[in-house]
Amino acid sequence: MLSAPFRSRAEELSAGASGTNREFVERIYPTLAAEFGGLERFGSKGDKIRLPNGQVIDAVISAGLGGKGYNWGIEGPARPKPMASLGSIG
């Protein structure tokens, strides 16, 4: 479950915001990361947050389309992608 202080602060930071991925990466996430330790930003667009307990938030709605708003609901536990076999190196 997402903590009430985190959700409240995230909603406060994103209120009236444009909903773009750029705004999330440059302004919203850095503020959240500074105030709530242990966060990790990831995803192909950098729009997902992994919480210290492993839960994931897909924060930017339609990030690949320029962004349409913010979402602060839990998506679920993150599952790492399997690493491709690199064969022998050297």
N, C-alpha and C. Protein backbone atom coordinates (compact mmCIF):
# COMPACT_ATOMS: atom_id res chain seq x y z
N MET A 1 0.84 -1.18 0.00
CA MET A 1 0.00 0.00 0.00
C MET A 1 0.89 1.25 0.00
N LEU A 2 0.54 2.21 -0.79
CA LEU A 2 1.27 3.47 -0.90
C LEU A 2 1.02 4.30 0.36
N SER A 3 2.08 4.82 0.96
CA SER A 3 1.91 5.59 2.18
C SER A 3 1.15 6.88 1.89
N ALA A 4 0.34 7.27 2.86
CA ALA A 4 -0.45 8.49 2.71
C ALA A 4 0.44 9.72 2.51
N PRO A 5 1.55 9.88 3.26
CA PRO A 5 2.39 11.06 3.04
C PRO A 5 2.99 11.10 1.63
N PHE A 6 3.40 9.94 1.09
CA PHE A 6 3.97 9.91 -0.26
C PHE A 6 2.91 10.30 -1.28
N ARG A 7 1.75 9.66 -1.22
CA ARG A 7 0.68 9.95 -2.18
C ARG A 7 0.27 11.42 -2.10
N SER A 8 0.13 11.94 -0.89
CA SER A 8 -0.26 13.33 -0.70
C SER A 8 0.76 14.28 -1.34
N ARG A 9 2.04 14.02 -1.11
CA ARG A 9 3.09 14.89 -1.66
C ARG A 9 3.15 14.77 -3.17
N ALA A 10 3.02 13.55 -3.71
CA ALA A 10 3.03 13.35 -5.15
C ALA A 10 1.87 14.08 -5.81
N GLU A 11 0.69 13.99 -5.21
CA GLU A 11 -0.48 14.69 -5.75
C GLU A 11 -0.30 16.20 -5.66
N GLU A 12 0.31 16.67 -4.58
CA GLU A 12 0.58 18.10 -4.43
C GLU A 12 1.53 18.60 -5.51
N LEU A 13 2.62 17.85 -5.75
CA LEU A 13 3.61 18.26 -6.76
C LEU A 13 3.04 18.23 -8.17
N SER A 14 2.12 17.32 -8.43
CA SER A 14 1.60 17.17 -9.80
C SER A 14 0.31 17.95 -10.05
N ALA A 15 -0.25 18.57 -9.02
CA ALA A 15 -1.48 19.35 -9.18
C ALA A 15 -1.23 20.52 -10.13
N GLY A 16 -2.03 20.61 -11.15
CA GLY A 16 -1.90 21.70 -12.11
C GLY A 16 -0.71 21.56 -13.04
N ALA A 17 -0.02 20.44 -12.97
CA ALA A 17 1.15 20.22 -13.81
C ALA A 17 0.73 19.77 -15.20
N SER A 18 1.67 19.82 -16.13
CA SER A 18 1.37 19.52 -17.53
C SER A 18 1.14 18.05 -17.83
N GLY A 19 1.71 17.18 -17.00
CA GLY A 19 1.55 15.75 -17.24
C GLY A 19 2.58 15.15 -18.17
N THR A 20 3.61 15.91 -18.48
CA THR A 20 4.63 15.40 -19.41
C THR A 20 5.70 14.60 -18.68
N ASN A 21 6.33 13.73 -19.44
CA ASN A 21 7.42 12.94 -18.90
C ASN A 21 8.59 13.85 -18.50
N ARG A 22 8.86 14.85 -19.30
CA ARG A 22 9.96 15.77 -19.00
C ARG A 22 9.77 16.44 -17.65
N GLU A 23 8.57 16.91 -17.40
CA GLU A 23 8.28 17.54 -16.12
C GLU A 23 8.46 16.56 -14.96
N PHE A 24 8.03 15.31 -15.18
CA PHE A 24 8.19 14.28 -14.16
C PHE A 24 9.67 14.04 -13.86
N VAL A 25 10.47 13.86 -14.92
CA VAL A 25 11.90 13.54 -14.78
C VAL A 25 12.68 14.70 -14.18
N GLU A 26 12.36 15.92 -14.60
CA GLU A 26 13.15 17.08 -14.18
C GLU A 26 12.69 17.73 -12.88
N ARG A 27 11.42 17.61 -12.54
CA ARG A 27 10.93 18.33 -11.36
C ARG A 27 10.28 17.44 -10.30
N ILE A 28 9.33 16.63 -10.71
CA ILE A 28 8.55 15.88 -9.73
C ILE A 28 9.36 14.76 -9.09
N TYR A 29 9.97 13.90 -9.93
CA TYR A 29 10.73 12.78 -9.34
C TYR A 29 11.89 13.25 -8.46
N PRO A 30 12.72 14.20 -8.88
CA PRO A 30 13.82 14.62 -8.00
C PRO A 30 13.35 15.10 -6.63
N THR A 31 12.23 15.80 -6.60
CA THR A 31 11.69 16.27 -5.33
C THR A 31 11.24 15.10 -4.47
N LEU A 32 10.50 14.15 -5.07
CA LEU A 32 10.05 12.98 -4.33
C LEU A 32 11.24 12.16 -3.82
N ALA A 33 12.25 11.98 -4.67
CA ALA A 33 13.43 11.18 -4.29
C ALA A 33 14.18 11.84 -3.14
N ALA A 34 14.24 13.16 -3.13
CA ALA A 34 14.93 13.87 -2.05
C ALA A 34 14.16 13.77 -0.73
N GLU A 35 12.85 13.72 -0.82
CA GLU A 35 12.02 13.71 0.38
C GLU A 35 11.72 12.30 0.90
N PHE A 36 11.73 11.32 0.00
CA PHE A 36 11.40 9.93 0.36
C PHE A 36 12.52 9.04 -0.16
N GLY A 37 13.41 8.64 0.71
CA GLY A 37 14.57 7.85 0.32
C GLY A 37 14.21 6.47 -0.22
N GLY A 38 15.14 5.92 -1.00
CA GLY A 38 14.98 4.56 -1.48
C GLY A 38 14.17 4.40 -2.74
N LEU A 39 13.81 5.50 -3.41
CA LEU A 39 13.05 5.42 -4.66
C LEU A 39 14.00 5.16 -5.82
N GLU A 40 13.50 4.48 -6.83
CA GLU A 40 14.28 4.23 -8.04
C GLU A 40 13.40 4.56 -9.25
N ARG A 41 13.93 5.36 -10.16
CA ARG A 41 13.21 5.69 -11.40
C ARG A 41 13.72 4.75 -12.48
N PHE A 42 12.81 4.15 -13.25
CA PHE A 42 13.21 3.22 -14.30
C PHE A 42 12.13 3.18 -15.37
N GLY A 43 12.28 2.27 -16.30
CA GLY A 43 11.33 2.12 -17.41
C GLY A 43 11.93 2.71 -18.67
N SER A 44 11.41 2.30 -19.80
CA SER A 44 11.96 2.76 -21.07
C SER A 44 11.89 4.27 -21.24
N LYS A 45 10.93 4.91 -20.62
CA LYS A 45 10.79 6.37 -20.67
C LYS A 45 11.21 7.03 -19.36
N GLY A 46 11.60 6.20 -18.39
CA GLY A 46 11.99 6.74 -17.08
C GLY A 46 10.81 7.23 -16.28
N ASP A 47 9.63 6.68 -16.57
CA ASP A 47 8.41 7.19 -15.94
C ASP A 47 7.85 6.28 -14.86
N LYS A 48 8.59 5.28 -14.46
CA LYS A 48 8.14 4.39 -13.40
C LYS A 48 8.97 4.62 -12.15
N ILE A 49 8.35 4.42 -11.00
CA ILE A 49 9.03 4.53 -9.72
C ILE A 49 8.92 3.19 -9.02
N ARG A 50 10.05 2.68 -8.56
CA ARG A 50 10.05 1.49 -7.70
C ARG A 50 10.22 1.99 -6.27
N LEU A 51 9.28 1.62 -5.42
CA LEU A 51 9.32 2.00 -4.01
C LEU A 51 10.24 1.05 -3.26
N PRO A 52 10.70 1.43 -2.09
CA PRO A 52 11.60 0.56 -1.32
C PRO A 52 11.04 -0.84 -1.06
N ASN A 53 9.72 -0.99 -1.01
CA ASN A 53 9.11 -2.29 -0.76
C ASN A 53 8.91 -3.11 -2.03
N GLY A 54 9.39 -2.59 -3.18
CA GLY A 54 9.29 -3.31 -4.45
C GLY A 54 8.07 -2.98 -5.27
N GLN A 55 7.12 -2.27 -4.72
CA GLN A 55 5.93 -1.90 -5.49
C GLN A 55 6.30 -0.87 -6.54
N VAL A 56 5.53 -0.85 -7.62
CA VAL A 56 5.83 0.00 -8.76
C VAL A 56 4.66 0.94 -9.05
N ILE A 57 5.02 2.18 -9.39
CA ILE A 57 4.05 3.18 -9.83
C ILE A 57 4.44 3.57 -11.25
N ASP A 58 3.50 3.46 -12.18
CA ASP A 58 3.71 3.96 -13.54
C ASP A 58 3.18 5.38 -13.53
N ALA A 59 4.07 6.33 -13.26
CA ALA A 59 3.66 7.68 -12.89
C ALA A 59 3.13 8.55 -14.02
N VAL A 60 3.63 8.38 -15.24
CA VAL A 60 3.19 9.25 -16.33
C VAL A 60 2.25 8.46 -17.25
N ILE A 61 1.05 8.95 -17.38
CA ILE A 61 0.07 8.32 -18.26
C ILE A 61 0.42 8.65 -19.70
N SER A 62 0.61 7.63 -20.52
CA SER A 62 0.95 7.79 -21.94
C SER A 62 2.25 8.56 -22.14
N ALA A 63 3.27 8.18 -21.41
CA ALA A 63 4.56 8.87 -21.50
C ALA A 63 5.12 8.86 -22.92
N GLY A 64 4.94 7.77 -23.64
CA GLY A 64 5.46 7.68 -25.01
C GLY A 64 4.74 8.58 -25.99
N LEU A 65 3.58 9.07 -25.59
CA LEU A 65 2.80 9.96 -26.46
C LEU A 65 2.91 11.41 -26.03
N GLY A 66 3.86 11.69 -25.18
CA GLY A 66 4.05 13.08 -24.73
C GLY A 66 3.50 13.34 -23.35
N GLY A 67 2.79 12.39 -22.79
CA GLY A 67 2.24 12.54 -21.44
C GLY A 67 0.85 13.12 -21.45
N LYS A 68 -0.01 12.57 -20.60
CA LYS A 68 -1.39 13.04 -20.50
C LYS A 68 -1.82 13.25 -19.06
N GLY A 69 -0.90 13.09 -18.14
CA GLY A 69 -1.25 13.26 -16.73
C GLY A 69 -0.43 12.32 -15.87
N TYR A 70 -0.71 12.35 -14.58
CA TYR A 70 0.04 11.55 -13.64
C TYR A 70 -0.86 10.56 -12.92
N ASN A 71 -0.29 9.43 -12.58
CA ASN A 71 -0.98 8.36 -11.88
C ASN A 71 -0.14 8.00 -10.67
N TRP A 72 -0.75 7.93 -9.51
CA TRP A 72 0.00 7.59 -8.30
C TRP A 72 -0.49 6.29 -7.68
N GLY A 73 -1.16 5.45 -8.47
CA GLY A 73 -1.62 4.15 -7.98
C GLY A 73 -0.54 3.09 -8.15
N ILE A 74 -0.58 2.09 -7.31
CA ILE A 74 0.38 0.99 -7.36
C ILE A 74 0.07 0.09 -8.54
N GLU A 75 1.09 -0.24 -9.31
CA GLU A 75 0.96 -1.13 -10.46
C GLU A 75 1.19 -2.58 -10.06
N GLY A 76 2.10 -2.82 -9.15
CA GLY A 76 2.42 -4.17 -8.69
C GLY A 76 3.91 -4.31 -8.47
N PRO A 77 4.33 -5.50 -8.10
CA PRO A 77 5.77 -5.69 -7.90
C PRO A 77 6.50 -5.69 -9.24
N ALA A 78 7.66 -5.10 -9.24
CA ALA A 78 8.47 -5.07 -10.47
C ALA A 78 9.12 -6.42 -10.67
N ARG A 79 9.18 -6.86 -11.89
CA ARG A 79 9.85 -8.10 -12.22
C ARG A 79 10.98 -7.78 -13.17
N PRO A 80 12.20 -8.09 -12.76
CA PRO A 80 13.32 -7.79 -13.66
C PRO A 80 13.25 -8.61 -14.93
N LYS A 81 13.69 -7.99 -16.03
CA LYS A 81 13.76 -8.71 -17.29
C LYS A 81 14.93 -9.68 -17.24
N PRO A 82 14.76 -10.87 -17.81
CA PRO A 82 15.89 -11.80 -17.81
C PRO A 82 17.03 -11.24 -18.67
N MET A 83 18.24 -11.46 -18.22
CA MET A 83 19.40 -10.99 -18.98
C MET A 83 19.62 -11.89 -20.18
N ALA A 84 19.95 -11.30 -21.29
CA ALA A 84 20.27 -12.06 -22.49
C ALA A 84 21.61 -12.74 -22.29
N SER A 85 21.75 -13.87 -22.88
CA SER A 85 23.02 -14.58 -22.80
C SER A 85 24.07 -13.80 -23.59
N LEU A 86 25.19 -13.54 -22.95
CA LEU A 86 26.24 -12.77 -23.59
C LEU A 86 27.30 -13.67 -24.22
N GLY A 87 27.24 -14.97 -23.96
CA GLY A 87 28.26 -15.86 -24.48
C GLY A 87 29.58 -15.58 -23.77
N SER A 88 30.64 -16.08 -24.31
CA SER A 88 31.92 -15.84 -23.67
C SER A 88 32.48 -14.51 -24.11
N ILE A 89 33.06 -13.83 -23.17
CA ILE A 89 33.66 -12.52 -23.47
C ILE A 89 35.16 -12.66 -23.28
N GLY A 90 35.90 -12.14 -24.24
CA GLY A 90 37.33 -12.17 -24.07
C GLY A 90 37.94 -12.91 -25.15
